[in-house]
Protein backbone atom coordinates (compact mmCIF):
# COMPACT_ATOMS: atom_id res chain seq x y z
CA MET A 1 72.19 109.41 116.93
CA LYS A 2 72.65 112.16 113.94
CA ILE A 3 74.85 111.50 111.01
CA GLU A 4 76.06 113.74 108.62
CA LEU A 5 76.66 113.36 104.81
CA GLU A 6 79.74 114.29 103.39
CA ASN A 7 78.34 117.22 100.89
CA VAL A 8 79.65 116.17 97.64
CA LYS A 9 78.68 116.47 93.97
CA PRO A 10 77.82 113.54 91.72
CA ALA A 11 80.86 114.12 89.55
CA GLN A 12 83.32 115.17 92.35
CA ILE A 13 82.21 111.62 94.04
CA GLU A 14 85.50 109.51 92.65
CA ALA A 15 88.01 112.12 93.09
CA ARG A 16 86.92 112.47 96.84
CA SER A 17 87.51 108.48 97.02
CA PHE A 18 90.33 108.76 95.62
CA GLU A 19 91.20 111.58 98.07
CA ILE A 20 90.23 109.66 101.22
CA ILE A 21 92.04 106.30 100.04
CA THR A 22 95.54 108.40 99.49
CA GLU A 23 94.82 109.80 103.16
CA GLU A 24 94.23 106.40 104.51
CA LEU A 25 96.96 105.08 102.64
CA GLY A 26 98.96 107.74 105.00
CA ASP A 27 103.11 106.93 105.01
CA VAL A 28 102.47 103.32 102.86
CA SER A 29 105.24 103.14 100.51
CA LEU A 30 103.97 102.22 97.10
CA ILE A 31 106.10 101.24 94.10
CA PRO A 32 106.30 104.07 91.75
CA GLY A 33 104.43 103.79 88.59
CA THR A 34 101.92 100.94 90.26
CA GLU A 35 100.18 103.69 92.64
CA PRO A 36 97.10 104.20 90.19
CA ILE A 37 96.57 100.45 89.85
CA VAL A 38 96.73 99.62 93.67
CA LYS A 39 94.16 102.98 94.35
CA ARG A 40 92.04 101.88 91.56
CA CYS A 41 91.43 98.24 93.12
CA ILE A 42 91.26 99.48 96.67
CA HIS A 43 88.66 101.66 95.50
CA THR A 44 86.75 98.96 93.67
CA SER A 45 86.77 97.20 96.78
CA ALA A 46 86.91 99.37 99.38
CA ASP A 47 89.83 96.94 100.73
CA PHE A 48 92.85 98.28 101.69
CA ASP A 49 94.88 94.88 101.75
CA TYR A 50 96.01 95.38 98.33
CA ALA A 51 98.29 98.20 98.99
CA GLN A 52 100.14 95.03 100.80
CA ASN A 53 99.12 91.96 98.31
CA LEU A 54 99.28 93.46 94.81
CA CYS A 55 102.74 91.82 93.41
CA PHE A 56 104.57 93.68 90.54
CA SER A 57 107.23 92.15 88.33
CA GLU A 58 109.56 94.49 87.09
CA HIS A 59 108.47 96.84 84.58
CA ALA A 60 105.19 95.07 84.16
CA VAL A 61 103.22 98.30 84.10
CA GLU A 62 105.32 99.96 81.38
CA LYS A 63 106.02 96.65 79.21
CA ALA A 64 101.69 96.67 79.70
CA LEU A 65 101.14 100.49 78.83
CA GLU A 66 103.41 99.52 75.40
CA ALA A 67 101.34 96.55 74.68
CA ILE A 68 98.06 98.77 74.79
CA ARG A 69 99.92 101.79 72.95
CA ASP A 70 100.72 99.09 70.08
CA GLY A 71 97.33 97.31 70.10
CA ALA A 72 97.10 94.03 72.41
CA SER A 73 94.30 92.65 72.80
CA ILE A 74 92.58 91.42 76.66
CA VAL A 75 91.48 87.96 77.13
CA THR A 76 89.41 87.16 80.36
CA ASP A 77 87.92 84.14 81.92
CA THR A 78 84.50 85.81 82.65
CA GLN A 79 81.50 87.35 81.13
CA MET A 80 81.52 89.89 84.04
CA GLY A 81 85.29 90.66 83.60
CA ARG A 82 84.86 91.68 80.07
CA ALA A 83 81.92 93.56 80.58
CA GLY A 84 84.08 95.35 83.00
CA ILE A 85 86.76 96.42 81.19
CA ASN A 86 86.03 100.01 79.12
CA LYS A 87 86.36 98.54 75.52
CA LYS A 88 85.63 101.91 74.08
CA LYS A 89 89.08 103.00 75.57
CA LEU A 90 90.96 99.79 74.44
CA LEU A 91 89.55 100.59 71.37
CA LYS A 92 91.28 103.65 70.72
CA TYR A 93 94.78 101.84 70.22
CA GLY A 94 93.51 98.99 68.15
CA GLY A 95 92.78 96.50 71.00
CA SER A 96 89.54 94.57 72.17
CA VAL A 97 88.73 91.97 74.80
CA HIS A 98 87.52 88.12 74.14
CA CYS A 99 86.24 86.02 76.46
CA PHE A 100 85.77 82.71 74.94
CA MET A 101 84.13 80.72 78.20
CA ALA A 102 80.62 80.85 76.62
CA ASP A 103 82.51 79.41 72.98
CA GLU A 104 81.16 76.40 71.55
CA ASP A 105 84.53 74.83 70.49
CA VAL A 106 85.39 75.52 73.84
CA ALA A 107 82.77 73.27 75.79
CA VAL A 108 83.28 70.92 73.34
CA LYS A 109 87.05 70.66 74.01
CA ALA A 110 86.68 71.15 77.84
CA LYS A 111 84.42 68.08 77.77
CA GLU A 112 86.22 66.01 74.93
CA ASP A 113 89.69 66.41 77.60
CA GLY A 114 87.92 66.31 80.55
CA THR A 115 88.58 69.77 82.36
CA THR A 116 87.18 73.06 82.50
CA ARG A 117 86.20 75.83 80.18
CA ALA A 118 88.73 78.20 81.62
CA VAL A 119 91.41 75.69 80.87
CA ALA A 120 89.90 75.08 76.85
CA SER A 121 89.41 78.82 77.08
CA MET A 122 93.60 79.19 77.60
CA ASP A 123 94.08 76.70 74.93
CA LYS A 124 91.94 78.49 72.52
CA ALA A 125 93.78 81.54 73.06
CA ALA A 126 97.20 80.04 72.47
CA SER A 127 95.83 78.65 69.43
CA MET A 128 95.13 82.38 68.04
CA GLY A 129 98.91 82.90 68.02
CA GLU A 130 98.70 86.66 69.08
CA ARG A 131 100.58 87.92 72.29
CA PHE A 132 97.72 88.44 74.57
CA ILE A 133 97.55 90.37 78.18
CA PHE A 134 95.72 87.64 80.36
CA ALA A 135 92.91 89.00 82.69
CA VAL A 136 91.98 86.13 85.54
CA GLY A 137 89.54 87.15 88.14
CA ASN A 138 87.75 83.76 88.53
CA ALA A 139 89.83 80.30 87.37
CA PRO A 140 92.66 79.50 89.38
CA THR A 141 92.58 76.83 86.19
CA ALA A 142 93.14 79.13 84.10
CA LEU A 143 96.44 80.66 85.50
CA VAL A 144 97.92 76.95 85.89
CA ARG A 145 96.54 76.04 81.69
CA LEU A 146 98.92 79.75 81.54
CA TYR A 147 101.76 78.61 83.23
CA GLU A 148 102.00 75.21 81.53
CA LEU A 149 101.63 76.55 78.06
CA ILE A 150 103.97 79.29 78.89
CA ARG A 151 107.00 76.82 80.07
CA GLU A 152 105.88 74.58 76.77
CA GLY A 153 106.81 77.61 74.80
CA LYS A 154 102.94 78.41 73.15
CA LEU A 155 102.08 81.28 75.08
CA ASP A 156 103.98 84.36 75.44
CA PRO A 157 101.49 87.68 77.39
CA HIS A 158 102.53 90.80 77.10
CA LEU A 159 101.47 90.81 80.78
CA VAL A 160 99.24 88.05 83.30
CA ILE A 161 96.80 89.64 85.28
CA GLY A 162 96.43 86.75 88.05
CA VAL A 163 93.47 87.79 90.97
CA PRO A 164 91.59 85.12 90.89
CA VAL A 165 89.20 84.63 94.41
CA GLY A 166 88.69 82.08 96.57
CA PHE A 167 90.48 78.87 98.60
CA VAL A 168 90.75 75.88 96.47
CA ASN A 169 94.15 76.45 94.50
CA VAL A 170 93.85 79.82 94.43
CA VAL A 171 97.32 80.96 96.33
CA GLN A 172 99.20 78.13 94.50
CA SER A 173 97.95 79.12 90.96
CA LYS A 174 98.79 82.87 91.30
CA GLU A 175 102.68 81.56 92.79
CA LEU A 176 102.89 79.28 89.92
CA ILE A 177 102.56 82.83 87.36
CA MET A 178 105.08 84.53 89.60
CA GLU A 179 107.63 82.23 88.55
CA ALA A 180 106.63 81.77 85.18
CA GLY A 181 109.07 84.32 83.91
CA VAL A 182 106.54 86.67 82.43
CA PRO A 183 105.30 90.22 83.18
CA TYR A 184 102.56 89.71 86.13
CA ILE A 185 100.24 91.29 88.11
CA VAL A 186 99.02 89.24 91.08
CA ALA A 187 96.91 89.70 94.14
CA ARG A 188 98.51 87.28 96.74
CA GLY A 189 96.92 85.10 99.04
CA ARG A 190 93.03 84.84 98.19
CA LYS A 191 91.56 87.69 97.23
CA GLY A 192 90.56 89.09 93.96
CA GLY A 193 87.86 88.91 91.54
CA SER A 194 86.62 89.69 88.18
CA ASN A 195 86.00 93.30 89.01
CA ILE A 196 89.50 93.44 90.32
CA ALA A 197 90.81 92.34 87.32
CA ALA A 198 89.04 94.42 85.15
CA CYS A 199 89.47 97.72 87.61
CA ILE A 200 93.85 96.99 86.88
CA VAL A 201 92.91 96.56 82.88
CA ASN A 202 91.39 100.30 83.48
CA ALA A 203 93.77 101.67 85.63
CA MET A 204 96.23 101.43 83.13
CA LEU A 205 94.03 102.45 80.26
CA TYR A 206 93.54 105.76 82.59
CA MET A 207 96.94 105.75 82.87
CA MET A 208 97.35 105.81 79.24
CA GLU A 209 95.47 109.33 78.99
CA LYS A 210 97.36 111.63 81.47
């Protein structure tokens, strides 16, 4: 069998990838203003289900872009998510990226409370008295704790990106965030991951440059 490769220069690979994504989406209707985010999730995962399962609260993207422009920082639930976010672009607006999972005080609190480090990380974020963007791609327990902290009036996030991947309490935790009364971007169902959480943040950072 003869295999024919596209003649694409290295610098053009990403642009060509997005052309293919747009072609294959065809007549699929995306919410105006969310297209770059949906397409970048597809680009990251090669999974067109994100055209259907990404849910956005009203004006979530606009509110997040405004928060980033005003210097908002981001809290992730994994070092992988933190590593994937373009920190240099975020720093241009005065923001930084935090992951507290490896912090000693978080480990101690999680052990004392008999809970996960992800839960203790969300508690630490709440104790800082800042408004954050939360990018959760791994731990449903982090989303559940965010829901509780929001309902208790201890947190008022600019945005919650809820895209943990998996099977146990993943679907339910995402549904909770959609009922929390805060701006959200959620990948409904089981799909997601730290790479998806990071790419959603990056998509918004790239949107700000256009």
